[in-house]
Amino acid sequence: LSQVLPPPEELEVPTFGGSSSSRKVVTPFGAEVLTLEGDARAAAPPRVRTRASRRMRSLALESSANERAGTLQSMGRAMLWLSEAAQAEELSQKRQLKKR
């Protein structure tokens, strides 16, 4: 293929900040392709790893949401118990006042 097509012309394109250097490669047909080099974050991870990380992230979010819901439920039960205990204490105090 390299014998049939001439090598692509490479044009240097300035980057604005960051350690990555980018080059614009012009193909023989005139299409411009931007390539990023030197920055690990700019390189896209393999598709399978991205899917797995998304799955792990969603599972982590679900489990933390379930934990939060469980915590809220137990807090709600504690609040209910405290309010019922306070009401029972008030009733017992009223009964003691009535007896005197």
PDB file of N, CA and C in Angstrom:
ATOM      1  N   LEU A   1       0.834  -1.195   0.000  1.00  0.00           N
ATOM      2  CA  LEU A   1       0.000   0.000   0.000  1.00  0.00           C
ATOM      3  C   LEU A   1       0.876   1.256   0.000  1.00  0.00           C
ATOM      4  N   SER A   2       1.992   1.209   0.723  1.00  0.00           N
ATOM      5  CA  SER A   2       2.868   2.381   0.764  1.00  0.00           C
ATOM      6  C   SER A   2       3.527   2.621  -0.592  1.00  0.00           C
ATOM      7  N   GLN A   3       3.609   1.585  -1.420  1.00  0.00           N
ATOM      8  CA  GLN A   3       4.190   1.767  -2.749  1.00  0.00           C
ATOM      9  C   GLN A   3       3.197   2.448  -3.678  1.00  0.00           C
ATOM     10  N   VAL A   4       1.910   2.213  -3.458  1.00  0.00           N
ATOM     11  CA  VAL A   4       0.888   2.787  -4.335  1.00  0.00           C
ATOM     12  C   VAL A   4       0.596   4.232  -3.949  1.00  0.00           C
ATOM     13  N   LEU A   5       0.391   4.475  -2.651  1.00  0.00           N
ATOM     14  CA  LEU A   5       0.035   5.814  -2.186  1.00  0.00           C
ATOM     15  C   LEU A   5       1.275   6.567  -1.727  1.00  0.00           C
ATOM     16  N   PRO A   6       1.326   7.862  -2.010  1.00  0.00           N
ATOM     17  CA  PRO A   6       2.446   8.651  -1.487  1.00  0.00           C
ATOM     18  C   PRO A   6       2.303   8.810   0.031  1.00  0.00           C
ATOM     19  N   PRO A   7       3.398   9.032   0.758  1.00  0.00           N
ATOM     20  CA  PRO A   7       3.291   9.201   2.216  1.00  0.00           C
ATOM     21  C   PRO A   7       2.497  10.462   2.549  1.00  0.00           C
ATOM     22  N   PRO A   8       1.756  10.442   3.651  1.00  0.00           N
ATOM     23  CA  PRO A   8       0.946  11.628   4.009  1.00  0.00           C
ATOM     24  C   PRO A   8       1.837  12.796   4.411  1.00  0.00           C
ATOM     25  N   GLU A   9       1.370  13.985   4.088  1.00  0.00           N
ATOM     26  CA  GLU A   9       2.095  15.184   4.479  1.00  0.00           C
ATOM     27  C   GLU A   9       1.757  15.467   5.942  1.00  0.00           C
ATOM     28  N   GLU A  10       2.757  15.806   6.710  1.00  0.00           N
ATOM     29  CA  GLU A  10       2.518  16.079   8.127  1.00  0.00           C
ATOM     30  C   GLU A  10       2.656  17.569   8.376  1.00  0.00           C
ATOM     31  N   LEU A  11       1.671  18.138   9.009  1.00  0.00           N
ATOM     32  CA  LEU A  11       1.685  19.550   9.364  1.00  0.00           C
ATOM     33  C   LEU A  11       1.732  19.663  10.884  1.00  0.00           C
ATOM     34  N   GLU A  12       2.628  20.508  11.389  1.00  0.00           N
ATOM     35  CA  GLU A  12       2.688  20.726  12.834  1.00  0.00           C
ATOM     36  C   GLU A  12       1.582  21.703  13.227  1.00  0.00           C
ATOM     37  N   VAL A  13       0.839  21.334  14.255  1.00  0.00           N
ATOM     38  CA  VAL A  13      -0.248  22.177  14.753  1.00  0.00           C
ATOM     39  C   VAL A  13       0.072  22.524  16.199  1.00  0.00           C
ATOM     40  N   PRO A  14       0.035  23.818  16.566  1.00  0.00           N
ATOM     41  CA  PRO A  14       0.351  24.169  17.953  1.00  0.00           C
ATOM     42  C   PRO A  14      -0.725  23.656  18.912  1.00  0.00           C
ATOM     43  N   THR A  15      -0.281  23.276  20.098  1.00  0.00           N
ATOM     44  CA  THR A  15      -1.240  22.856  21.123  1.00  0.00           C
ATOM     45  C   THR A  15      -1.345  23.967  22.150  1.00  0.00           C
ATOM     46  N   PHE A  16      -2.490  24.088  22.751  1.00  0.00           N
ATOM     47  CA  PHE A  16      -2.733  25.132  23.736  1.00  0.00           C
ATOM     48  C   PHE A  16      -2.739  24.501  25.121  1.00  0.00           C
ATOM     49  N   GLY A  17      -1.593  24.507  25.789  1.00  0.00           N
ATOM     50  CA  GLY A  17      -1.507  23.959  27.134  1.00  0.00           C
ATOM     51  C   GLY A  17      -1.411  22.456  27.131  1.00  0.00           C
ATOM     52  N   GLY A  18      -0.893  21.921  28.229  1.00  0.00           N
ATOM     53  CA  GLY A  18      -0.790  20.477  28.356  1.00  0.00           C
ATOM     54  C   GLY A  18       0.518  19.969  27.803  1.00  0.00           C
ATOM     55  N   SER A  19       0.828  18.732  28.143  1.00  0.00           N
ATOM     56  CA  SER A  19       2.100  18.161  27.721  1.00  0.00           C
ATOM     57  C   SER A  19       1.965  17.379  26.426  1.00  0.00           C
ATOM     58  N   SER A  20       0.763  17.291  25.903  1.00  0.00           N
ATOM     59  CA  SER A  20       0.573  16.472  24.705  1.00  0.00           C
ATOM     60  C   SER A  20       0.964  17.262  23.468  1.00  0.00           C
ATOM     61  N   SER A  21       1.574  16.593  22.544  1.00  0.00           N
ATOM     62  CA  SER A  21       1.882  17.216  21.265  1.00  0.00           C
ATOM     63  C   SER A  21       0.935  16.618  20.239  1.00  0.00           C
ATOM     64  N   SER A  22       0.324  17.457  19.454  1.00  0.00           N
ATOM     65  CA  SER A  22      -0.605  16.933  18.452  1.00  0.00           C
ATOM     66  C   SER A  22      -0.111  17.325  17.074  1.00  0.00           C
ATOM     67  N   ARG A  23      -0.370  16.455  16.144  1.00  0.00           N
ATOM     68  CA  ARG A  23       0.001  16.718  14.757  1.00  0.00           C
ATOM     69  C   ARG A  23      -1.221  16.494  13.894  1.00  0.00           C
ATOM     70  N   LYS A  24      -1.321  17.312  12.870  1.00  0.00           N
ATOM     71  CA  LYS A  24      -2.400  17.113  11.911  1.00  0.00           C
ATOM     72  C   LYS A  24      -1.794  16.424  10.702  1.00  0.00           C
ATOM     73  N   VAL A  25      -2.314  15.266  10.374  1.00  0.00           N
ATOM     74  CA  VAL A  25      -1.810  14.505   9.232  1.00  0.00           C
ATOM     75  C   VAL A  25      -2.804  14.655   8.096  1.00  0.00           C
ATOM     76  N   VAL A  26      -2.313  15.068   6.936  1.00  0.00           N
ATOM     77  CA  VAL A  26      -3.174  15.222   5.767  1.00  0.00           C
ATOM     78  C   VAL A  26      -2.961  14.012   4.869  1.00  0.00           C
ATOM     79  N   THR A  27      -4.024  13.282   4.615  1.00  0.00           N
ATOM     80  CA  THR A  27      -3.935  12.099   3.758  1.00  0.00           C
ATOM     81  C   THR A  27      -3.859  12.544   2.304  1.00  0.00           C
ATOM     82  N   PRO A  28      -3.442  11.661   1.411  1.00  0.00           N
ATOM     83  CA  PRO A  28      -3.347  12.032  -0.008  1.00  0.00           C
ATOM     84  C   PRO A  28      -4.680  12.486  -0.594  1.00  0.00           C
ATOM     85  N   PHE A  29      -5.780  12.062   0.016  1.00  0.00           N
ATOM     86  CA  PHE A  29      -7.089  12.452  -0.515  1.00  0.00           C
ATOM     87  C   PHE A  29      -7.558  13.773   0.064  1.00  0.00           C
ATOM     88  N   GLY A  30      -6.755  14.397   0.924  1.00  0.00           N
ATOM     89  CA  GLY A  30      -7.103  15.711   1.455  1.00  0.00           C
ATOM     90  C   GLY A  30      -7.804  15.676   2.794  1.00  0.00           C
ATOM     91  N   ALA A  31      -8.031  14.486   3.364  1.00  0.00           N
ATOM     92  CA  ALA A  31      -8.691  14.416   4.666  1.00  0.00           C
ATOM     93  C   ALA A  31      -7.669  14.683   5.756  1.00  0.00           C
ATOM     94  N   GLU A  32      -8.050  15.508   6.734  1.00  0.00           N
ATOM     95  CA  GLU A  32      -7.139  15.828   7.823  1.00  0.00           C
ATOM     96  C   GLU A  32      -7.445  14.941   9.020  1.00  0.00           C
ATOM     97  N   VAL A  33      -6.411  14.354   9.593  1.00  0.00           N
ATOM     98  CA  VAL A  33      -6.559  13.489  10.761  1.00  0.00           C
ATOM     99  C   VAL A  33      -5.694  14.067  11.861  1.00  0.00           C
ATOM    100  N   LEU A  34      -6.270  14.293  13.033  1.00  0.00           N
ATOM    101  CA  LEU A  34      -5.524  14.837  14.161  1.00  0.00           C
ATOM    102  C   LEU A  34      -5.032  13.685  15.019  1.00  0.00           C
ATOM    103  N   THR A  35      -3.730  13.621  15.228  1.00  0.00           N
ATOM    104  CA  THR A  35      -3.175  12.561  16.070  1.00  0.00           C
ATOM    105  C   THR A  35      -2.600  13.186  17.321  1.00  0.00           C
ATOM    106  N   LEU A  36      -2.829  12.556  18.457  1.00  0.00           N
ATOM    107  CA  LEU A  36      -2.298  13.033  19.731  1.00  0.00           C
ATOM    108  C   LEU A  36      -1.193  12.099  20.176  1.00  0.00           C
ATOM    109  N   GLU A  37      -0.114  12.675  20.658  1.00  0.00           N
ATOM    110  CA  GLU A  37       1.007  11.858  21.116  1.00  0.00           C
ATOM    111  C   GLU A  37       1.516  12.400  22.437  1.00  0.00           C
ATOM    112  N   GLY A  38       2.088  11.520  23.251  1.00  0.00           N
ATOM    113  CA  GLY A  38       2.767  11.953  24.459  1.00  0.00           C
ATOM    114  C   GLY A  38       1.881  12.138  25.668  1.00  0.00           C
ATOM    115  N   ASP A  39       0.574  12.094  25.522  1.00  0.00           N
ATOM    116  CA  ASP A  39      -0.317  12.274  26.666  1.00  0.00           C
ATOM    117  C   ASP A  39      -1.093  10.986  26.871  1.00  0.00           C
ATOM    118  N   ALA A  40      -0.875  10.330  27.991  1.00  0.00           N
ATOM    119  CA  ALA A  40      -1.534   9.045  28.246  1.00  0.00           C
ATOM    120  C   ALA A  40      -3.039   9.221  28.390  1.00  0.00           C
ATOM    121  N   ARG A  41      -3.447  10.388  28.924  1.00  0.00           N
ATOM    122  CA  ARG A  41      -4.888  10.597  29.105  1.00  0.00           C
ATOM    123  C   ARG A  41      -5.603  10.801  27.780  1.00  0.00           C
ATOM    124  N   ALA A  42      -4.881  11.297  26.778  1.00  0.00           N
ATOM    125  CA  ALA A  42      -5.507  11.549  25.485  1.00  0.00           C
ATOM    126  C   ALA A  42      -5.763  10.256  24.728  1.00  0.00           C
ATOM    127  N   ALA A  43      -4.976   9.230  25.013  1.00  0.00           N
ATOM    128  CA  ALA A  43      -5.161   7.952  24.318  1.00  0.00           C
ATOM    129  C   ALA A  43      -6.405   7.266  24.851  1.00  0.00           C
ATOM    130  N   ALA A  44      -7.273   6.864  23.952  1.00  0.00           N
ATOM    131  CA  ALA A  44      -8.504   6.195  24.378  1.00  0.00           C
ATOM    132  C   ALA A  44      -8.178   4.778  24.818  1.00  0.00           C
ATOM    133  N   PRO A  45      -8.723   4.343  25.962  1.00  0.00           N
ATOM    134  CA  PRO A  45      -8.470   2.966  26.395  1.00  0.00           C
ATOM    135  C   PRO A  45      -9.180   1.985  25.482  1.00  0.00           C
ATOM    136  N   PRO A  46      -8.773   0.730  25.507  1.00  0.00           N
ATOM    137  CA  PRO A  46      -9.467  -0.272  24.693  1.00  0.00           C
ATOM    138  C   PRO A  46     -10.942  -0.348  25.064  1.00  0.00           C
ATOM    139  N   ARG A  47     -11.755  -0.740  24.083  1.00  0.00           N
ATOM    140  CA  ARG A  47     -13.194  -0.714  24.271  1.00  0.00           C
ATOM    141  C   ARG A  47     -13.673  -1.618  25.391  1.00  0.00           C
ATOM    142  N   VAL A  48     -13.074  -2.802  25.499  1.00  0.00           N
ATOM    143  CA  VAL A  48     -13.505  -3.752  26.521  1.00  0.00           C
ATOM    144  C   VAL A  48     -13.244  -3.183  27.904  1.00  0.00           C
ATOM    145  N   ARG A  49     -12.070  -2.565  28.088  1.00  0.00           N
ATOM    146  CA  ARG A  49     -11.739  -2.007  29.386  1.00  0.00           C
ATOM    147  C   ARG A  49     -12.695  -0.866  29.736  1.00  0.00           C
ATOM    148  N   THR A  50     -13.074  -0.058  28.739  1.00  0.00           N
ATOM    149  CA  THR A  50     -14.013   1.029  28.979  1.00  0.00           C
ATOM    150  C   THR A  50     -15.353   0.475  29.433  1.00  0.00           C
ATOM    151  N   ARG A  51     -15.825  -0.568  28.754  1.00  0.00           N
ATOM    152  CA  ARG A  51     -17.098  -1.159  29.149  1.00  0.00           C
ATOM    153  C   ARG A  51     -17.018  -1.723  30.558  1.00  0.00           C
ATOM    154  N   ALA A  52     -15.919  -2.415  30.861  1.00  0.00           N
ATOM    155  CA  ALA A  52     -15.764  -3.008  32.189  1.00  0.00           C
ATOM    156  C   ALA A  52     -15.709  -1.921  33.251  1.00  0.00           C
ATOM    157  N   SER A  53     -14.989  -0.833  32.958  1.00  0.00           N
ATOM    158  CA  SER A  53     -14.893   0.230  33.956  1.00  0.00           C
ATOM    159  C   SER A  53     -16.241   0.907  34.147  1.00  0.00           C
ATOM    160  N   ARG A  54     -16.996   1.053  33.061  1.00  0.00           N
ATOM    161  CA  ARG A  54     -18.336   1.626  33.205  1.00  0.00           C
ATOM    162  C   ARG A  54     -19.221   0.728  34.046  1.00  0.00           C
ATOM    163  N   ARG A  55     -19.117  -0.590  33.785  1.00  0.00           N
ATOM    164  CA  ARG A  55     -19.924  -1.538  34.551  1.00  0.00           C
ATOM    165  C   ARG A  55     -19.546  -1.482  36.026  1.00  0.00           C
ATOM    166  N   MET A  56     -18.241  -1.453  36.304  1.00  0.00           N
ATOM    167  CA  MET A  56     -17.781  -1.387  37.694  1.00  0.00           C
ATOM    168  C   MET A  56     -18.229  -0.085  38.350  1.00  0.00           C
ATOM    169  N   ARG A  57     -18.151   1.018  37.592  1.00  0.00           N
ATOM    170  CA  ARG A  57     -18.567   2.301  38.144  1.00  0.00           C
ATOM    171  C   ARG A  57     -20.054   2.296  38.455  1.00  0.00           C
ATOM    172  N   SER A  58     -20.866   1.749  37.541  1.00  0.00           N
ATOM    173  CA  SER A  58     -22.307   1.729  37.786  1.00  0.00           C
ATOM    174  C   SER A  58     -22.638   0.821  38.961  1.00  0.00           C
ATOM    175  N   LEU A  59     -21.923  -0.319  39.072  1.00  0.00           N
ATOM    176  CA  LEU A  59     -22.148  -1.190  40.227  1.00  0.00           C
ATOM    177  C   LEU A  59     -21.770  -0.486  41.519  1.00  0.00           C
ATOM    178  N   ALA A  60     -20.673   0.254  41.499  1.00  0.00           N
ATOM    179  CA  ALA A  60     -20.248   0.979  42.697  1.00  0.00           C
ATOM    180  C   ALA A  60     -21.268   2.046  43.061  1.00  0.00           C
ATOM    181  N   LEU A  61     -21.786   2.748  42.046  1.00  0.00           N
ATOM    182  CA  LEU A  61     -22.788   3.773  42.321  1.00  0.00           C
ATOM    183  C   LEU A  61     -24.057   3.154  42.874  1.00  0.00           C
ATOM    184  N   GLU A  62     -24.470   2.001  42.307  1.00  0.00           N
ATOM    185  CA  GLU A  62     -25.666   1.334  42.812  1.00  0.00           C
ATOM    186  C   GLU A  62     -25.472   0.891  44.253  1.00  0.00           C
ATOM    187  N   SER A  63     -24.320   0.302  44.553  1.00  0.00           N
ATOM    188  CA  SER A  63     -24.105  -0.186  45.912  1.00  0.00           C
ATOM    189  C   SER A  63     -24.036   0.974  46.894  1.00  0.00           C
ATOM    190  N   SER A  64     -23.394   2.081  46.492  1.00  0.00           N
ATOM    191  CA  SER A  64     -23.340   3.220  47.408  1.00  0.00           C
ATOM    192  C   SER A  64     -24.727   3.834  47.573  1.00  0.00           C
ATOM    193  N   ALA A  65     -25.539   3.816  46.506  1.00  0.00           N
ATOM    194  CA  ALA A  65     -26.907   4.320  46.631  1.00  0.00           C
ATOM    195  C   ALA A  65     -27.717   3.422  47.557  1.00  0.00           C
ATOM    196  N   ASN A  66     -27.518   2.101  47.433  1.00  0.00           N
ATOM    197  CA  ASN A  66     -28.217   1.180  48.324  1.00  0.00           C
ATOM    198  C   ASN A  66     -27.776   1.377  49.766  1.00  0.00           C
ATOM    199  N   GLU A  67     -26.473   1.591  49.968  1.00  0.00           N
ATOM    200  CA  GLU A  67     -25.982   1.847  51.324  1.00  0.00           C
ATOM    201  C   GLU A  67     -26.589   3.123  51.880  1.00  0.00           C
ATOM    202  N   ARG A  68     -26.651   4.171  51.038  1.00  0.00           N
ATOM    203  CA  ARG A  68     -27.253   5.432  51.496  1.00  0.00           C
ATOM    204  C   ARG A  68     -28.714   5.230  51.841  1.00  0.00           C
ATOM    205  N   ALA A  69     -29.423   4.470  50.994  1.00  0.00           N
ATOM    206  CA  ALA A  69     -30.844   4.226  51.267  1.00  0.00           C
ATOM    207  C   ALA A  69     -31.004   3.452  52.565  1.00  0.00           C
ATOM    208  N   GLY A  70     -30.155   2.448  52.777  1.00  0.00           N
ATOM    209  CA  GLY A  70     -30.219   1.685  54.021  1.00  0.00           C
ATOM    210  C   GLY A  70     -29.920   2.550  55.222  1.00  0.00           C
ATOM    211  N   THR A  71     -28.936   3.435  55.082  1.00  0.00           N
ATOM    212  CA  THR A  71     -28.596   4.344  56.175  1.00  0.00           C
ATOM    213  C   THR A  71     -29.756   5.277  56.459  1.00  0.00           C
ATOM    214  N   LEU A  72     -30.367   5.794  55.384  1.00  0.00           N
ATOM    215  CA  LEU A  72     -31.512   6.687  55.581  1.00  0.00           C
ATOM    216  C   LEU A  72     -32.672   5.952  56.238  1.00  0.00           C
ATOM    217  N   GLN A  73     -32.897   4.686  55.835  1.00  0.00           N
ATOM    218  CA  GLN A  73     -33.972   3.913  56.453  1.00  0.00           C
ATOM    219  C   GLN A  73     -33.700   3.709  57.931  1.00  0.00           C
ATOM    220  N   SER A  74     -32.472   3.335  58.278  1.00  0.00           N
ATOM    221  CA  SER A  74     -32.169   3.106  59.690  1.00  0.00           C
ATOM    222  C   SER A  74     -32.233   4.412  60.473  1.00  0.00           C
ATOM    223  N   MET A  75     -31.826   5.524  59.837  1.00  0.00           N
ATOM    224  CA  MET A  75     -31.957   6.822  60.504  1.00  0.00           C
ATOM    225  C   MET A  75     -33.423   7.160  60.717  1.00  0.00           C
ATOM    226  N   GLY A  76     -34.243   6.858  59.707  1.00  0.00           N
ATOM    227  CA  GLY A  76     -35.677   7.112  59.839  1.00  0.00           C
ATOM    228  C   GLY A  76     -36.285   6.288  60.956  1.00  0.00           C
ATOM    229  N   ARG A  77     -35.866   5.007  61.048  1.00  0.00           N
ATOM    230  CA  ARG A  77     -36.361   4.163  62.137  1.00  0.00           C
ATOM    231  C   ARG A  77     -35.932   4.713  63.487  1.00  0.00           C
ATOM    232  N   ALA A  78     -34.683   5.172  63.566  1.00  0.00           N
ATOM    233  CA  ALA A  78     -34.186   5.729  64.827  1.00  0.00           C
ATOM    234  C   ALA A  78     -34.954   6.990  65.202  1.00  0.00           C
ATOM    235  N   MET A  79     -35.215   7.841  64.210  1.00  0.00           N
ATOM    236  CA  MET A  79     -35.975   9.070  64.481  1.00  0.00           C
ATOM    237  C   MET A  79     -37.385   8.736  64.943  1.00  0.00           C
ATOM    238  N   LEU A  80     -38.013   7.755  64.273  1.00  0.00           N
ATOM    239  CA  LEU A  80     -39.355   7.335  64.663  1.00  0.00           C
ATOM    240  C   LEU A  80     -39.347   6.792  66.087  1.00  0.00           C
ATOM    241  N   TRP A  81     -38.350   5.958  66.402  1.00  0.00           N
ATOM    242  CA  TRP A  81     -38.256   5.386  67.742  1.00  0.00           C
ATOM    243  C   TRP A  81     -38.072   6.486  68.778  1.00  0.00           C
ATOM    244  N   LEU A  82     -37.213   7.481  68.463  1.00  0.00           N
ATOM    245  CA  LEU A  82     -36.981   8.581  69.398  1.00  0.00           C
ATOM    246  C   LEU A  82     -38.242   9.406  69.610  1.00  0.00           C
ATOM    247  N   SER A  83     -38.984   9.667  68.521  1.00  0.00           N
ATOM    248  CA  SER A  83     -40.210  10.459  68.675  1.00  0.00           C
ATOM    249  C   SER A  83     -41.253   9.683  69.473  1.00  0.00           C
ATOM    250  N   GLU A  84     -41.357   8.361  69.228  1.00  0.00           N
ATOM    251  CA  GLU A  84     -42.300   7.551  70.001  1.00  0.00           C
ATOM    252  C   GLU A  84     -41.881   7.482  71.464  1.00  0.00           C
ATOM    253  N   ALA A  85     -40.581   7.387  71.715  1.00  0.00           N
ATOM    254  CA  ALA A  85     -40.093   7.364  73.098  1.00  0.00           C
ATOM    255  C   ALA A  85     -40.381   8.693  73.787  1.00  0.00           C
ATOM    256  N   ALA A  86     -40.215   9.803  73.061  1.00  0.00           N
ATOM    257  CA  ALA A  86     -40.503  11.120  73.635  1.00  0.00           C
ATOM    258  C   ALA A  86     -41.988  11.253  73.949  1.00  0.00           C
ATOM    259  N   GLN A  87     -42.850  10.762  73.034  1.00  0.00           N
ATOM    260  CA  GLN A  87     -44.295  10.813  73.284  1.00  0.00           C
ATOM    261  C   GLN A  87     -44.663   9.960  74.492  1.00  0.00           C
ATOM    262  N   ALA A  88     -44.080   8.770  74.594  1.00  0.00           N
ATOM    263  CA  ALA A  88     -44.362   7.898  75.737  1.00  0.00           C
ATOM    264  C   ALA A  88     -43.897   8.556  77.032  1.00  0.00           C
ATOM    265  N   GLU A  89     -42.764   9.225  76.996  1.00  0.00           N
ATOM    266  CA  GLU A  89     -42.263   9.927  78.187  1.00  0.00           C
ATOM    267  C   GLU A  89     -43.215  11.053  78.587  1.00  0.00           C
ATOM    268  N   GLU A  90     -43.712  11.804  77.594  1.00  0.00           N
ATOM    269  CA  GLU A  90     -44.667  12.878  77.885  1.00  0.00           C
ATOM    270  C   GLU A  90     -45.940  12.314  78.509  1.00  0.00           C
ATOM    271  N   LEU A  91     -46.454  11.202  77.948  1.00  0.00           N
ATOM    272  CA  LEU A  91     -47.668  10.591  78.493  1.00  0.00           C
ATOM    273  C   LEU A  91     -47.454  10.126  79.926  1.00  0.00           C
ATOM    274  N   SER A  92     -46.319   9.512  80.205  1.00  0.00           N
ATOM    275  CA  SER A  92     -46.069   9.030  81.567  1.00  0.00           C
ATOM    276  C   SER A  92     -45.948  10.204  82.536  1.00  0.00           C
ATOM    277  N   GLN A  93     -45.352  11.311  82.090  1.00  0.00           N
ATOM    278  CA  GLN A  93     -45.257  12.492  82.959  1.00  0.00           C
ATOM    279  C   GLN A  93     -46.639  13.077  83.229  1.00  0.00           C
ATOM    280  N   LYS A  94     -47.505  13.110  82.182  1.00  0.00           N
ATOM    281  CA  LYS A  94     -48.865  13.628  82.363  1.00  0.00           C
ATOM    282  C   LYS A  94     -49.642  12.753  83.340  1.00  0.00           C
ATOM    283  N   ARG A  95     -49.479  11.427  83.224  1.00  0.00           N
ATOM    284  CA  ARG A  95     -50.174  10.511  84.126  1.00  0.00           C
ATOM    285  C   ARG A  95     -49.704  10.703  85.563  1.00  0.00           C
ATOM    286  N   GLN A  96     -48.405  10.911  85.745  1.00  0.00           N
ATOM    287  CA  GLN A  96     -47.886  11.122  87.095  1.00  0.00           C
ATOM    288  C   GLN A  96     -48.416  12.425  87.679  1.00  0.00           C
ATOM    289  N   LEU A  97     -48.562  13.463  86.828  1.00  0.00           N
ATOM    290  CA  LEU A  97     -49.108  14.731  87.310  1.00  0.00           C
ATOM    291  C   LEU A  97     -50.576  14.581  87.689  1.00  0.00           C
ATOM    292  N   LYS A  98     -51.324  13.779  86.914  1.00  0.00           N
ATOM    293  CA  LYS A  98     -52.744  13.569  87.211  1.00  0.00           C
ATOM    294  C   LYS A  98     -52.911  12.811  88.525  1.00  0.00           C
ATOM    295  N   LYS A  99     -52.017  11.863  88.815  1.00  0.00           N
ATOM    296  CA  LYS A  99     -52.116  11.074  90.038  1.00  0.00           C
ATOM    297  C   LYS A  99     -51.884  11.943  91.270  1.00  0.00           C
ATOM    298  N   ARG A 100     -51.084  12.970  91.179  1.00  0.00           N
ATOM    299  CA  ARG A 100     -50.799  13.831  92.327  1.00  0.00           C
ATOM    300  C   ARG A 100     -51.949  14.734  92.524  1.00  0.00           C
TER     301      ARG A 100
END
